[in-house]
Structures are given as C-alpha cells and as structure tokens.
PDB file of N, CA and C in Angstrom:
ATOM      1  N   MET A   1     -18.872   5.482 -24.746  1.00  0.00           N
ATOM      2  CA  MET A   1     -18.480   5.459 -23.344  1.00  0.00           C
ATOM      3  C   MET A   1     -19.383   4.490 -22.583  1.00  0.00           C
ATOM      4  N   MET A   2     -18.789   3.756 -21.668  1.00  0.00           N
ATOM      5  CA  MET A   2     -19.503   2.755 -20.889  1.00  0.00           C
ATOM      6  C   MET A   2     -20.291   3.427 -19.764  1.00  0.00           C
ATOM      7  N   PRO A   3     -21.567   3.073 -19.573  1.00  0.00           N
ATOM      8  CA  PRO A   3     -22.328   3.637 -18.460  1.00  0.00           C
ATOM      9  C   PRO A   3     -21.678   3.310 -17.127  1.00  0.00           C
ATOM     10  N   LYS A   4     -21.779   4.247 -16.201  1.00  0.00           N
ATOM     11  CA  LYS A   4     -21.169   4.076 -14.880  1.00  0.00           C
ATOM     12  C   LYS A   4     -21.745   2.854 -14.181  1.00  0.00           C
ATOM     13  N   ASN A   5     -20.859   2.042 -13.607  1.00  0.00           N
ATOM     14  CA  ASN A   5     -21.219   0.854 -12.833  1.00  0.00           C
ATOM     15  C   ASN A   5     -22.022  -0.180 -13.612  1.00  0.00           C
ATOM     16  N   LEU A   6     -21.847  -0.208 -14.928  1.00  0.00           N
ATOM     17  CA  LEU A   6     -22.563  -1.181 -15.744  1.00  0.00           C
ATOM     18  C   LEU A   6     -22.290  -2.599 -15.288  1.00  0.00           C
ATOM     19  N   PHE A   7     -21.050  -2.877 -14.964  1.00  0.00           N
ATOM     20  CA  PHE A   7     -20.667  -4.218 -14.568  1.00  0.00           C
ATOM     21  C   PHE A   7     -20.388  -4.321 -13.083  1.00  0.00           C
ATOM     22  N   CYS A   8     -20.857  -3.406 -12.300  1.00  0.00           N
ATOM     23  CA  CYS A   8     -20.522  -3.335 -10.880  1.00  0.00           C
ATOM     24  C   CYS A   8     -20.992  -4.585 -10.144  1.00  0.00           C
ATOM     25  N   PHE A   9     -20.084  -5.160  -9.382  1.00  0.00           N
ATOM     26  CA  PHE A   9     -20.370  -6.333  -8.575  1.00  0.00           C
ATOM     27  C   PHE A   9     -20.244  -5.950  -7.120  1.00  0.00           C
ATOM     28  N   THR A  10     -21.322  -6.049  -6.378  1.00  0.00           N
ATOM     29  CA  THR A  10     -21.273  -5.656  -4.974  1.00  0.00           C
ATOM     30  C   THR A  10     -21.623  -6.797  -4.043  1.00  0.00           C
ATOM     31  N   GLY A  11     -21.982  -7.946  -4.582  1.00  0.00           N
ATOM     32  CA  GLY A  11     -22.366  -9.078  -3.737  1.00  0.00           C
ATOM     33  C   GLY A  11     -21.180  -9.719  -3.059  1.00  0.00           C
ATOM     34  N   ARG A  12     -21.443 -10.486  -2.035  1.00  0.00           N
ATOM     35  CA  ARG A  12     -20.398 -11.236  -1.329  1.00  0.00           C
ATOM     36  C   ARG A  12     -20.313 -12.618  -1.950  1.00  0.00           C
ATOM     37  N   SER A  13     -19.148 -13.110  -2.048  1.00  0.00           N
ATOM     38  CA  SER A  13     -18.938 -14.423  -2.632  1.00  0.00           C
ATOM     39  C   SER A  13     -19.038 -15.497  -1.564  1.00  0.00           C
ATOM     40  N   SER A  14     -19.629 -16.600  -1.944  1.00  0.00           N
ATOM     41  CA  SER A  14     -19.655 -17.745  -1.035  1.00  0.00           C
ATOM     42  C   SER A  14     -18.804 -18.867  -1.618  1.00  0.00           C
ATOM     43  N   VAL A  15     -17.821 -18.476  -2.401  1.00  0.00           N
ATOM     44  CA  VAL A  15     -16.974 -19.456  -3.070  1.00  0.00           C
ATOM     45  C   VAL A  15     -16.042 -20.105  -2.058  1.00  0.00           C
ATOM     46  N   GLU A  16     -16.112 -21.428  -1.976  1.00  0.00           N
ATOM     47  CA  GLU A  16     -15.215 -22.149  -1.093  1.00  0.00           C
ATOM     48  C   GLU A  16     -14.039 -22.711  -1.867  1.00  0.00           C
ATOM     49  N   ASN A  17     -14.253 -23.028  -3.123  1.00  0.00           N
ATOM     50  CA  ASN A  17     -13.227 -23.617  -3.960  1.00  0.00           C
ATOM     51  C   ASN A  17     -13.055 -22.724  -5.177  1.00  0.00           C
ATOM     52  N   ASN A  18     -11.824 -22.317  -5.481  1.00  0.00           N
ATOM     53  CA  ASN A  18     -11.587 -21.397  -6.578  1.00  0.00           C
ATOM     54  C   ASN A  18     -11.986 -21.952  -7.937  1.00  0.00           C
ATOM     55  N   SER A  19     -12.219 -23.243  -8.058  1.00  0.00           N
ATOM     56  CA  SER A  19     -12.645 -23.784  -9.336  1.00  0.00           C
ATOM     57  C   SER A  19     -14.117 -23.479  -9.591  1.00  0.00           C
ATOM     58  N   ASN A  20     -14.851 -23.098  -8.573  1.00  0.00           N
ATOM     59  CA  ASN A  20     -16.253 -22.723  -8.718  1.00  0.00           C
ATOM     60  C   ASN A  20     -16.369 -21.211  -8.620  1.00  0.00           C
ATOM     61  N   HIS A  21     -16.419 -20.559  -9.773  1.00  0.00           N
ATOM     62  CA  HIS A  21     -16.463 -19.108  -9.790  1.00  0.00           C
ATOM     63  C   HIS A  21     -17.891 -18.619  -9.804  1.00  0.00           C
ATOM     64  N   ASP A  22     -18.109 -17.507  -9.122  1.00  0.00           N
ATOM     65  CA  ASP A  22     -19.394 -16.840  -9.177  1.00  0.00           C
ATOM     66  C   ASP A  22     -19.602 -16.397 -10.623  1.00  0.00           C
ATOM     67  N   PRO A  23     -20.670 -16.832 -11.276  1.00  0.00           N
ATOM     68  CA  PRO A  23     -20.863 -16.517 -12.700  1.00  0.00           C
ATOM     69  C   PRO A  23     -20.936 -15.008 -12.976  1.00  0.00           C
ATOM     70  N   LYS A  24     -21.568 -14.257 -12.096  1.00  0.00           N
ATOM     71  CA  LYS A  24     -21.674 -12.814 -12.304  1.00  0.00           C
ATOM     72  C   LYS A  24     -20.295 -12.169 -12.217  1.00  0.00           C
ATOM     73  N   PHE A  25     -19.506 -12.591 -11.250  1.00  0.00           N
ATOM     74  CA  PHE A  25     -18.157 -12.033 -11.115  1.00  0.00           C
ATOM     75  C   PHE A  25     -17.325 -12.367 -12.344  1.00  0.00           C
ATOM     76  N   LYS A  26     -17.380 -13.604 -12.801  1.00  0.00           N
ATOM     77  CA  LYS A  26     -16.597 -14.006 -13.967  1.00  0.00           C
ATOM     78  C   LYS A  26     -17.038 -13.222 -15.206  1.00  0.00           C
ATOM     79  N   MET A  27     -18.323 -12.953 -15.344  1.00  0.00           N
ATOM     80  CA  MET A  27     -18.814 -12.154 -16.466  1.00  0.00           C
ATOM     81  C   MET A  27     -18.240 -10.738 -16.399  1.00  0.00           C
ATOM     82  N   ILE A  28     -18.216 -10.180 -15.202  1.00  0.00           N
ATOM     83  CA  ILE A  28     -17.660  -8.840 -15.025  1.00  0.00           C
ATOM     84  C   ILE A  28     -16.179  -8.843 -15.379  1.00  0.00           C
ATOM     85  N   LEU A  29     -15.474  -9.823 -14.883  1.00  0.00           N
ATOM     86  CA  LEU A  29     -14.046  -9.929 -15.149  1.00  0.00           C
ATOM     87  C   LEU A  29     -13.782 -10.075 -16.647  1.00  0.00           C
ATOM     88  N   TRP A  30     -14.560 -10.925 -17.308  1.00  0.00           N
ATOM     89  CA  TRP A  30     -14.405 -11.083 -18.761  1.00  0.00           C
ATOM     90  C   TRP A  30     -14.663  -9.764 -19.466  1.00  0.00           C
ATOM     91  N   SER A  31     -15.714  -9.054 -19.065  1.00  0.00           N
ATOM     92  CA  SER A  31     -16.068  -7.790 -19.713  1.00  0.00           C
ATOM     93  C   SER A  31     -14.970  -6.751 -19.554  1.00  0.00           C
ATOM     94  N   ILE A  32     -14.387  -6.677 -18.370  1.00  0.00           N
ATOM     95  CA  ILE A  32     -13.398  -5.645 -18.075  1.00  0.00           C
ATOM     96  C   ILE A  32     -12.021  -6.004 -18.598  1.00  0.00           C
ATOM     97  N   VAL A  33     -11.700  -7.290 -18.625  1.00  0.00           N
ATOM     98  CA  VAL A  33     -10.366  -7.712 -19.041  1.00  0.00           C
ATOM     99  C   VAL A  33     -10.343  -8.126 -20.515  1.00  0.00           C
ATOM    100  N   ALA A  34     -11.240  -8.990 -20.917  1.00  0.00           N
ATOM    101  CA  ALA A  34     -11.183  -9.525 -22.277  1.00  0.00           C
ATOM    102  C   ALA A  34     -12.052  -8.762 -23.268  1.00  0.00           C
ATOM    103  N   GLY A  35     -13.028  -8.036 -22.774  1.00  0.00           N
ATOM    104  CA  GLY A  35     -13.992  -7.403 -23.667  1.00  0.00           C
ATOM    105  C   GLY A  35     -13.686  -5.970 -24.054  1.00  0.00           C
ATOM    106  N   THR A  36     -12.530  -5.456 -23.665  1.00  0.00           N
ATOM    107  CA  THR A  36     -12.203  -4.073 -23.980  1.00  0.00           C
ATOM    108  C   THR A  36     -10.779  -3.961 -24.496  1.00  0.00           C
ATOM    109  N   ARG A  37     -10.503  -2.865 -25.185  1.00  0.00           N
ATOM    110  CA  ARG A  37      -9.182  -2.660 -25.763  1.00  0.00           C
ATOM    111  C   ARG A  37      -8.075  -2.588 -24.711  1.00  0.00           C
ATOM    112  N   GLY A  38      -8.356  -1.969 -23.562  1.00  0.00           N
ATOM    113  CA  GLY A  38      -7.359  -1.836 -22.507  1.00  0.00           C
ATOM    114  C   GLY A  38      -7.366  -2.979 -21.511  1.00  0.00           C
ATOM    115  N   GLY A  39      -8.119  -4.006 -21.814  1.00  0.00           N
ATOM    116  CA  GLY A  39      -8.271  -5.115 -20.883  1.00  0.00           C
ATOM    117  C   GLY A  39      -6.981  -5.835 -20.525  1.00  0.00           C
ATOM    118  N   ALA A  40      -6.091  -5.947 -21.477  1.00  0.00           N
ATOM    119  CA  ALA A  40      -4.822  -6.632 -21.199  1.00  0.00           C
ATOM    120  C   ALA A  40      -4.028  -5.879 -20.139  1.00  0.00           C
ATOM    121  N   ASN A  41      -4.030  -4.550 -20.226  1.00  0.00           N
ATOM    122  CA  ASN A  41      -3.331  -3.757 -19.201  1.00  0.00           C
ATOM    123  C   ASN A  41      -4.010  -3.894 -17.843  1.00  0.00           C
ATOM    124  N   ARG A  42      -5.334  -3.943 -17.835  1.00  0.00           N
ATOM    125  CA  ARG A  42      -6.047  -4.120 -16.563  1.00  0.00           C
ATOM    126  C   ARG A  42      -5.721  -5.487 -15.961  1.00  0.00           C
ATOM    127  N   ALA A  43      -5.642  -6.506 -16.793  1.00  0.00           N
ATOM    128  CA  ALA A  43      -5.280  -7.841 -16.304  1.00  0.00           C
ATOM    129  C   ALA A  43      -3.874  -7.829 -15.716  1.00  0.00           C
ATOM    130  N   LYS A  44      -2.954  -7.160 -16.388  1.00  0.00           N
ATOM    131  CA  LYS A  44      -1.585  -7.075 -15.890  1.00  0.00           C
ATOM    132  C   LYS A  44      -1.536  -6.348 -14.546  1.00  0.00           C
ATOM    133  N   ILE A  45      -2.333  -5.298 -14.411  1.00  0.00           N
ATOM    134  CA  ILE A  45      -2.382  -4.557 -13.145  1.00  0.00           C
ATOM    135  C   ILE A  45      -2.910  -5.460 -12.033  1.00  0.00           C
ATOM    136  N   LEU A  46      -4.013  -6.156 -12.300  1.00  0.00           N
ATOM    137  CA  LEU A  46      -4.576  -7.054 -11.292  1.00  0.00           C
ATOM    138  C   LEU A  46      -3.571  -8.126 -10.894  1.00  0.00           C
ATOM    139  N   ASN A  47      -2.883  -8.675 -11.859  1.00  0.00           N
ATOM    140  CA  ASN A  47      -1.901  -9.712 -11.586  1.00  0.00           C
ATOM    141  C   ASN A  47      -0.715  -9.157 -10.791  1.00  0.00           C
ATOM    142  N   LEU A  48      -0.303  -7.941 -11.113  1.00  0.00           N
ATOM    143  CA  LEU A  48       0.839  -7.324 -10.450  1.00  0.00           C
ATOM    144  C   LEU A  48       0.578  -7.041  -8.973  1.00  0.00           C
ATOM    145  N   ILE A  49      -0.610  -6.557  -8.666  1.00  0.00           N
ATOM    146  CA  ILE A  49      -0.890  -6.149  -7.278  1.00  0.00           C
ATOM    147  C   ILE A  49      -1.531  -7.255  -6.443  1.00  0.00           C
ATOM    148  N   LYS A  50      -1.595  -8.462  -6.974  1.00  0.00           N
ATOM    149  CA  LYS A  50      -2.246  -9.540  -6.229  1.00  0.00           C
ATOM    150  C   LYS A  50      -1.549  -9.849  -4.911  1.00  0.00           C
ATOM    151  N   ASP A  51      -0.223  -9.708  -4.873  1.00  0.00           N
ATOM    152  CA  ASP A  51       0.527 -10.007  -3.655  1.00  0.00           C
ATOM    153  C   ASP A  51       1.031  -8.760  -2.936  1.00  0.00           C
ATOM    154  N   THR A  52       1.291  -7.700  -3.695  1.00  0.00           N
ATOM    155  CA  THR A  52       1.874  -6.491  -3.119  1.00  0.00           C
ATOM    156  C   THR A  52       1.124  -5.262  -3.596  1.00  0.00           C
ATOM    157  N   PRO A  53       0.425  -4.571  -2.701  1.00  0.00           N
ATOM    158  CA  PRO A  53      -0.234  -3.325  -3.097  1.00  0.00           C
ATOM    159  C   PRO A  53       0.790  -2.312  -3.611  1.00  0.00           C
ATOM    160  N   MET A  54       0.401  -1.538  -4.615  1.00  0.00           N
ATOM    161  CA  MET A  54       1.299  -0.544  -5.208  1.00  0.00           C
ATOM    162  C   MET A  54       0.529   0.709  -5.560  1.00  0.00           C
ATOM    163  N   ASN A  55       1.255   1.833  -5.588  1.00  0.00           N
ATOM    164  CA  ASN A  55       0.626   3.065  -6.054  1.00  0.00           C
ATOM    165  C   ASN A  55       0.721   3.119  -7.578  1.00  0.00           C
ATOM    166  N   ALA A  56       0.009   4.068  -8.160  1.00  0.00           N
ATOM    167  CA  ALA A  56      -0.062   4.156  -9.623  1.00  0.00           C
ATOM    168  C   ALA A  56       1.307   4.382 -10.244  1.00  0.00           C
ATOM    169  N   ASN A  57       2.155   5.166  -9.601  1.00  0.00           N
ATOM    170  CA  ASN A  57       3.485   5.430 -10.148  1.00  0.00           C
ATOM    171  C   ASN A  57       4.326   4.152 -10.207  1.00  0.00           C
ATOM    172  N   LYS A  58       4.279   3.359  -9.159  1.00  0.00           N
ATOM    173  CA  LYS A  58       5.033   2.105  -9.120  1.00  0.00           C
ATOM    174  C   LYS A  58       4.499   1.124 -10.169  1.00  0.00           C
ATOM    175  N   ILE A  59       3.180   1.045 -10.288  1.00  0.00           N
ATOM    176  CA  ILE A  59       2.565   0.170 -11.295  1.00  0.00           C
ATOM    177  C   ILE A  59       3.040   0.593 -12.690  1.00  0.00           C
ATOM    178  N   ALA A  60       3.014   1.898 -12.958  1.00  0.00           N
ATOM    179  CA  ALA A  60       3.441   2.410 -14.259  1.00  0.00           C
ATOM    180  C   ALA A  60       4.889   2.061 -14.541  1.00  0.00           C
ATOM    181  N   THR A  61       5.738   2.180 -13.527  1.00  0.00           N
ATOM    182  CA  THR A  61       7.158   1.879 -13.694  1.00  0.00           C
ATOM    183  C   THR A  61       7.379   0.397 -13.982  1.00  0.00           C
ATOM    184  N   VAL A  62       6.758  -0.461 -13.181  1.00  0.00           N
ATOM    185  CA  VAL A  62       6.962  -1.911 -13.332  1.00  0.00           C
ATOM    186  C   VAL A  62       6.422  -2.407 -14.674  1.00  0.00           C
ATOM    187  N   LEU A  63       5.260  -1.909 -15.084  1.00  0.00           N
ATOM    188  CA  LEU A  63       4.642  -2.377 -16.323  1.00  0.00           C
ATOM    189  C   LEU A  63       5.063  -1.571 -17.555  1.00  0.00           C
ATOM    190  N   ASP A  64       5.889  -0.561 -17.336  1.00  0.00           N
ATOM    191  CA  ASP A  64       6.345   0.317 -18.414  1.00  0.00           C
ATOM    192  C   ASP A  64       5.167   0.936 -19.166  1.00  0.00           C
ATOM    193  N   LEU A  65       4.248   1.524 -18.381  1.00  0.00           N
ATOM    194  CA  LEU A  65       3.080   2.211 -18.925  1.00  0.00           C
ATOM    195  C   LEU A  65       3.110   3.672 -18.499  1.00  0.00           C
ATOM    196  N   ASP A  66       2.394   4.497 -19.217  1.00  0.00           N
ATOM    197  CA  ASP A  66       2.250   5.892 -18.847  1.00  0.00           C
ATOM    198  C   ASP A  66       1.439   5.993 -17.550  1.00  0.00           C
ATOM    199  N   HIS A  67       1.810   6.918 -16.683  1.00  0.00           N
ATOM    200  CA  HIS A  67       1.125   7.090 -15.403  1.00  0.00           C
ATOM    201  C   HIS A  67      -0.366   7.363 -15.595  1.00  0.00           C
ATOM    202  N   LYS A  68      -0.708   8.215 -16.549  1.00  0.00           N
ATOM    203  CA  LYS A  68      -2.126   8.541 -16.794  1.00  0.00           C
ATOM    204  C   LYS A  68      -2.903   7.307 -17.255  1.00  0.00           C
ATOM    205  N   THR A  69      -2.249   6.454 -18.010  1.00  0.00           N
ATOM    206  CA  THR A  69      -2.881   5.211 -18.458  1.00  0.00           C
ATOM    207  C   THR A  69      -3.202   4.329 -17.260  1.00  0.00           C
ATOM    208  N   VAL A  70      -2.261   4.198 -16.360  1.00  0.00           N
ATOM    209  CA  VAL A  70      -2.472   3.383 -15.160  1.00  0.00           C
ATOM    210  C   VAL A  70      -3.596   3.955 -14.319  1.00  0.00           C
ATOM    211  N   VAL A  71      -3.608   5.271 -14.117  1.00  0.00           N
ATOM    212  CA  VAL A  71      -4.664   5.913 -13.327  1.00  0.00           C
ATOM    213  C   VAL A  71      -6.024   5.635 -13.959  1.00  0.00           C
ATOM    214  N   HIS A  72      -6.107   5.726 -15.276  1.00  0.00           N
ATOM    215  CA  HIS A  72      -7.358   5.437 -15.979  1.00  0.00           C
ATOM    216  C   HIS A  72      -7.823   4.004 -15.701  1.00  0.00           C
ATOM    217  N   HIS A  73      -6.907   3.059 -15.828  1.00  0.00           N
ATOM    218  CA  HIS A  73      -7.266   1.653 -15.637  1.00  0.00           C
ATOM    219  C   HIS A  73      -7.635   1.330 -14.191  1.00  0.00           C
ATOM    220  N   VAL A  74      -6.903   1.865 -13.219  1.00  0.00           N
ATOM    221  CA  VAL A  74      -7.253   1.548 -11.827  1.00  0.00           C
ATOM    222  C   VAL A  74      -8.579   2.198 -11.430  1.00  0.00           C
ATOM    223  N   LYS A  75      -8.921   3.319 -12.054  1.00  0.00           N
ATOM    224  CA  LYS A  75     -10.243   3.911 -11.791  1.00  0.00           C
ATOM    225  C   LYS A  75     -11.351   2.979 -12.263  1.00  0.00           C
ATOM    226  N   ILE A  76     -11.171   2.391 -13.435  1.00  0.00           N
ATOM    227  CA  ILE A  76     -12.160   1.437 -13.956  1.00  0.00           C
ATOM    228  C   ILE A  76     -12.231   0.210 -13.048  1.00  0.00           C
ATOM    229  N   LEU A  77     -11.080  -0.299 -12.642  1.00  0.00           N
ATOM    230  CA  LEU A  77     -11.048  -1.461 -11.755  1.00  0.00           C
ATOM    231  C   LEU A  77     -11.699  -1.152 -10.412  1.00  0.00           C
ATOM    232  N   ALA A  78     -11.449   0.038  -9.884  1.00  0.00           N
ATOM    233  CA  ALA A  78     -12.042   0.433  -8.597  1.00  0.00           C
ATOM    234  C   ALA A  78     -13.545   0.633  -8.730  1.00  0.00           C
ATOM    235  N   LYS A  79     -13.981   1.245  -9.828  1.00  0.00           N
ATOM    236  CA  LYS A  79     -15.410   1.483 -10.046  1.00  0.00           C
ATOM    237  C   LYS A  79     -16.185   0.167 -10.086  1.00  0.00           C
ATOM    238  N   ASN A  80     -15.523  -0.879 -10.515  1.00  0.00           N
ATOM    239  CA  ASN A  80     -16.164  -2.193 -10.613  1.00  0.00           C
ATOM    240  C   ASN A  80     -15.795  -3.126  -9.467  1.00  0.00           C
ATOM    241  N   ASN A  81     -15.273  -2.549  -8.392  1.00  0.00           N
ATOM    242  CA  ASN A  81     -14.974  -3.272  -7.149  1.00  0.00           C
ATOM    243  C   ASN A  81     -13.983  -4.426  -7.316  1.00  0.00           C
ATOM    244  N   LEU A  82     -13.030  -4.251  -8.221  1.00  0.00           N
ATOM    245  CA  LEU A  82     -11.980  -5.249  -8.380  1.00  0.00           C
ATOM    246  C   LEU A  82     -10.741  -4.871  -7.588  1.00  0.00           C
ATOM    247  N   VAL A  83     -10.531  -3.566  -7.402  1.00  0.00           N
ATOM    248  CA  VAL A  83      -9.435  -3.070  -6.566  1.00  0.00           C
ATOM    249  C   VAL A  83      -9.986  -1.999  -5.637  1.00  0.00           C
ATOM    250  N   VAL A  84      -9.225  -1.739  -4.595  1.00  0.00           N
ATOM    251  CA  VAL A  84      -9.583  -0.683  -3.658  1.00  0.00           C
ATOM    252  C   VAL A  84      -8.340   0.156  -3.407  1.00  0.00           C
ATOM    253  N   LYS A  85      -8.552   1.442  -3.239  1.00  0.00           N
ATOM    254  CA  LYS A  85      -7.469   2.386  -2.986  1.00  0.00           C
ATOM    255  C   LYS A  85      -7.412   2.647  -1.493  1.00  0.00           C
ATOM    256  N   ASP A  86      -6.192   2.664  -0.926  1.00  0.00           N
ATOM    257  CA  ASP A  86      -6.101   2.932   0.504  1.00  0.00           C
ATOM    258  C   ASP A  86      -6.465   4.387   0.800  1.00  0.00           C
ATOM    259  N   GLU A  87      -6.536   4.725   2.047  1.00  0.00           N
ATOM    260  CA  GLU A  87      -7.047   6.023   2.487  1.00  0.00           C
ATOM    261  C   GLU A  87      -6.085   7.189   2.294  1.00  0.00           C
ATOM    262  N   LYS A  88      -4.810   6.907   2.071  1.00  0.00           N
ATOM    263  CA  LYS A  88      -3.837   7.987   1.925  1.00  0.00           C
ATOM    264  C   LYS A  88      -4.167   8.848   0.713  1.00  0.00           C
ATOM    265  N   GLU A  89      -3.896  10.146   0.842  1.00  0.00           N
ATOM    266  CA  GLU A  89      -4.096  11.054  -0.280  1.00  0.00           C
ATOM    267  C   GLU A  89      -2.934  10.970  -1.259  1.00  0.00           C
ATOM    268  N   TYR A  90      -1.698  11.010  -0.743  1.00  0.00           N
ATOM    269  CA  TYR A  90      -0.524  11.029  -1.594  1.00  0.00           C
ATOM    270  C   TYR A  90       0.036   9.616  -1.734  1.00  0.00           C
ATOM    271  N   ALA A  91       0.301   9.220  -2.955  1.00  0.00           N
ATOM    272  CA  ALA A  91       0.871   7.901  -3.255  1.00  0.00           C
ATOM    273  C   ALA A  91       0.024   6.756  -2.688  1.00  0.00           C
ATOM    274  N   ALA A  92      -1.280   6.893  -2.785  1.00  0.00           N
ATOM    275  CA  ALA A  92      -2.182   5.861  -2.294  1.00  0.00           C
ATOM    276  C   ALA A  92      -1.963   4.564  -3.064  1.00  0.00           C
ATOM    277  N   GLU A  93      -1.952   3.468  -2.342  1.00  0.00           N
ATOM    278  CA  GLU A  93      -1.726   2.163  -2.955  1.00  0.00           C
ATOM    279  C   GLU A  93      -3.049   1.486  -3.295  1.00  0.00           C
ATOM    280  N   TYR A  94      -3.011   0.711  -4.354  1.00  0.00           N
ATOM    281  CA  TYR A  94      -4.160  -0.076  -4.781  1.00  0.00           C
ATOM    282  C   TYR A  94      -3.908  -1.520  -4.397  1.00  0.00           C
ATOM    283  N   LYS A  95      -4.977  -2.178  -3.972  1.00  0.00           N
ATOM    284  CA  LYS A  95      -4.888  -3.603  -3.661  1.00  0.00           C
ATOM    285  C   LYS A  95      -6.172  -4.274  -4.129  1.00  0.00           C
ATOM    286  N   LEU A  96      -6.115  -5.590  -4.248  1.00  0.00           N
ATOM    287  CA  LEU A  96      -7.288  -6.334  -4.693  1.00  0.00           C
ATOM    288  C   LEU A  96      -8.359  -6.348  -3.616  1.00  0.00           C
ATOM    289  N   THR A  97      -9.608  -6.335  -4.036  1.00  0.00           N
ATOM    290  CA  THR A  97     -10.702  -6.515  -3.090  1.00  0.00           C
ATOM    291  C   THR A  97     -10.760  -7.991  -2.705  1.00  0.00           C
ATOM    292  N   GLN A  98     -11.475  -8.296  -1.664  1.00  0.00           N
ATOM    293  CA  GLN A  98     -11.571  -9.684  -1.202  1.00  0.00           C
ATOM    294  C   GLN A  98     -12.176 -10.588  -2.275  1.00  0.00           C
ATOM    295  N   ILE A  99     -13.208 -10.117  -2.945  1.00  0.00           N
ATOM    296  CA  ILE A  99     -13.861 -10.935  -3.973  1.00  0.00           C
ATOM    297  C   ILE A  99     -12.898 -11.225  -5.125  1.00  0.00           C
ATOM    298  N   THR A 100     -12.051 -10.268  -5.463  1.00  0.00           N
ATOM    299  CA  THR A 100     -11.070 -10.484  -6.526  1.00  0.00           C
ATOM    300  C   THR A 100     -10.019 -11.486  -6.075  1.00  0.00           C
ATOM    301  N   LYS A 101      -9.607 -11.386  -4.811  1.00  0.00           N
ATOM    302  CA  LYS A 101      -8.637 -12.349  -4.273  1.00  0.00           C
ATOM    303  C   LYS A 101      -9.197 -13.769  -4.325  1.00  0.00           C
ATOM    304  N   GLU A 102     -10.477 -13.900  -4.026  1.00  0.00           N
ATOM    305  CA  GLU A 102     -11.110 -15.211  -4.005  1.00  0.00           C
ATOM    306  C   GLU A 102     -11.220 -15.824  -5.393  1.00  0.00           C
ATOM    307  N   HIS A 103     -11.129 -15.006  -6.426  1.00  0.00           N
ATOM    308  CA  HIS A 103     -11.307 -15.479  -7.800  1.00  0.00           C
ATOM    309  C   HIS A 103     -10.037 -15.325  -8.632  1.00  0.00           C
ATOM    310  N   GLN A 104      -8.880 -15.449  -8.017  1.00  0.00           N
ATOM    311  CA  GLN A 104      -7.618 -15.315  -8.742  1.00  0.00           C
ATOM    312  C   GLN A 104      -7.488 -16.333  -9.870  1.00  0.00           C
ATOM    313  N   SER A 105      -8.002 -17.518  -9.681  1.00  0.00           N
ATOM    314  CA  SER A 105      -7.884 -18.525 -10.737  1.00  0.00           C
ATOM    315  C   SER A 105      -8.727 -18.147 -11.958  1.00  0.00           C
ATOM    316  N   ALA A 106      -9.829 -17.437 -11.748  1.00  0.00           N
ATOM    317  CA  ALA A 106     -10.639 -16.972 -12.883  1.00  0.00           C
ATOM    318  C   ALA A 106      -9.847 -15.961 -13.696  1.00  0.00           C
ATOM    319  N   LEU A 107      -9.147 -15.057 -13.016  1.00  0.00           N
ATOM    320  CA  LEU A 107      -8.304 -14.082 -13.718  1.00  0.00           C
ATOM    321  C   LEU A 107      -7.196 -14.809 -14.487  1.00  0.00           C
ATOM    322  N   LYS A 108      -6.593 -15.797 -13.861  1.00  0.00           N
ATOM    323  CA  LYS A 108      -5.529 -16.567 -14.517  1.00  0.00           C
ATOM    324  C   LYS A 108      -6.058 -17.259 -15.770  1.00  0.00           C
ATOM    325  N   ASP A 109      -7.241 -17.857 -15.681  1.00  0.00           N
ATOM    326  CA  ASP A 109      -7.859 -18.520 -16.835  1.00  0.00           C
ATOM    327  C   ASP A 109      -8.082 -17.527 -17.975  1.00  0.00           C
ATOM    328  N   ILE A 110      -8.607 -16.364 -17.640  1.00  0.00           N
ATOM    329  CA  ILE A 110      -8.895 -15.344 -18.655  1.00  0.00           C
ATOM    330  C   ILE A 110      -7.600 -14.856 -19.295  1.00  0.00           C
ATOM    331  N   MET A 111      -6.581 -14.614 -18.462  1.00  0.00           N
ATOM    332  CA  MET A 111      -5.307 -14.149 -18.987  1.00  0.00           C
ATOM    333  C   MET A 111      -4.689 -15.169 -19.938  1.00  0.00           C
ATOM    334  N   GLU A 112      -4.811 -16.439 -19.614  1.00  0.00           N
ATOM    335  CA  GLU A 112      -4.294 -17.486 -20.506  1.00  0.00           C
ATOM    336  C   GLU A 112      -5.047 -17.504 -21.829  1.00  0.00           C
ATOM    337  N   LYS A 113      -6.365 -17.318 -21.779  1.00  0.00           N
ATOM    338  CA  LYS A 113      -7.177 -17.369 -22.988  1.00  0.00           C
ATOM    339  C   LYS A 113      -6.938 -16.162 -23.904  1.00  0.00           C
ATOM    340  N   ILE A 114      -6.614 -15.009 -23.315  1.00  0.00           N
ATOM    341  CA  ILE A 114      -6.361 -13.838 -24.155  1.00  0.00           C
ATOM    342  C   ILE A 114      -4.877 -13.646 -24.436  1.00  0.00           C
ATOM    343  N   GLY A 115      -4.047 -14.519 -23.893  1.00  0.00           N
ATOM    344  CA  GLY A 115      -2.613 -14.473 -24.156  1.00  0.00           C
ATOM    345  C   GLY A 115      -1.881 -13.364 -23.436  1.00  0.00           C
ATOM    346  N   THR A 116      -2.277 -13.066 -22.225  1.00  0.00           N
ATOM    347  CA  THR A 116      -1.645 -12.013 -21.428  1.00  0.00           C
ATOM    348  C   THR A 116      -0.988 -12.637 -20.208  1.00  0.00           C
ATOM    349  N   ARG A 117       0.141 -12.085 -19.809  1.00  0.00           N
ATOM    350  CA  ARG A 117       0.804 -12.558 -18.591  1.00  0.00           C
ATOM    351  C   ARG A 117       0.802 -11.487 -17.555  1.00  0.00           C
TER     352      ARG A 117
END
C-alpha cells in the first residue's frame, strides 16, 4: 500500500507555457498514471473531466467501469491534488484542479507514451 500523500503536490505553478512543465508535478503525474496498475483508468478519468465536471456514476457509465473502481481512482487523484470534489454531498462532481489544468499537455504526453486515450 502506498503511504498517504507520498506524491502530494501542494505548490502553485508558475508555468506560463504548457511546454515547460513543473518537474515535481510531472513526476507525480507519471507516478500516478504510468507507474501503477490502475494508472490508465486514472488517465482516462482526468482526460474525461478536463472540460466537463462529472460525478462518479457518470464517469463510470461513460468509461464503462465499475462505480467502486471509479470512486477508488478519484480518491487517489483527489488525495494527490489532481482533482477536486465539489461541496455537494449527493452526486458530487469531480473537476480538475488548477495545477492539473495548467499541465494538460503533460497528461497528453504521458497518455501517448503509455498508449492510453
């Protein structure tokens, strides 16, 4: 089991151009997406909610995944500050954090390298 917040990124990005990625953020993204067995599903979730926030049930339906699987993955993404859950209790939607939005091209690069869409 991975220690809590092992890859947690809490700093603010000063990235002006998406081709210049914060090295710590990219390392975290690689660890969470490419370095784990469920990373491909996490990448798909990040890619899916980049434009439209969705709740776990909608994510599960669109990606054809089990609801519990999606909940597990979004918890990992949230713990590492890649997504944030809105304040609603029921059917709360997940959306990308600002730092994740700023590094969309890094996610795209990683997804291409691991063969995930």
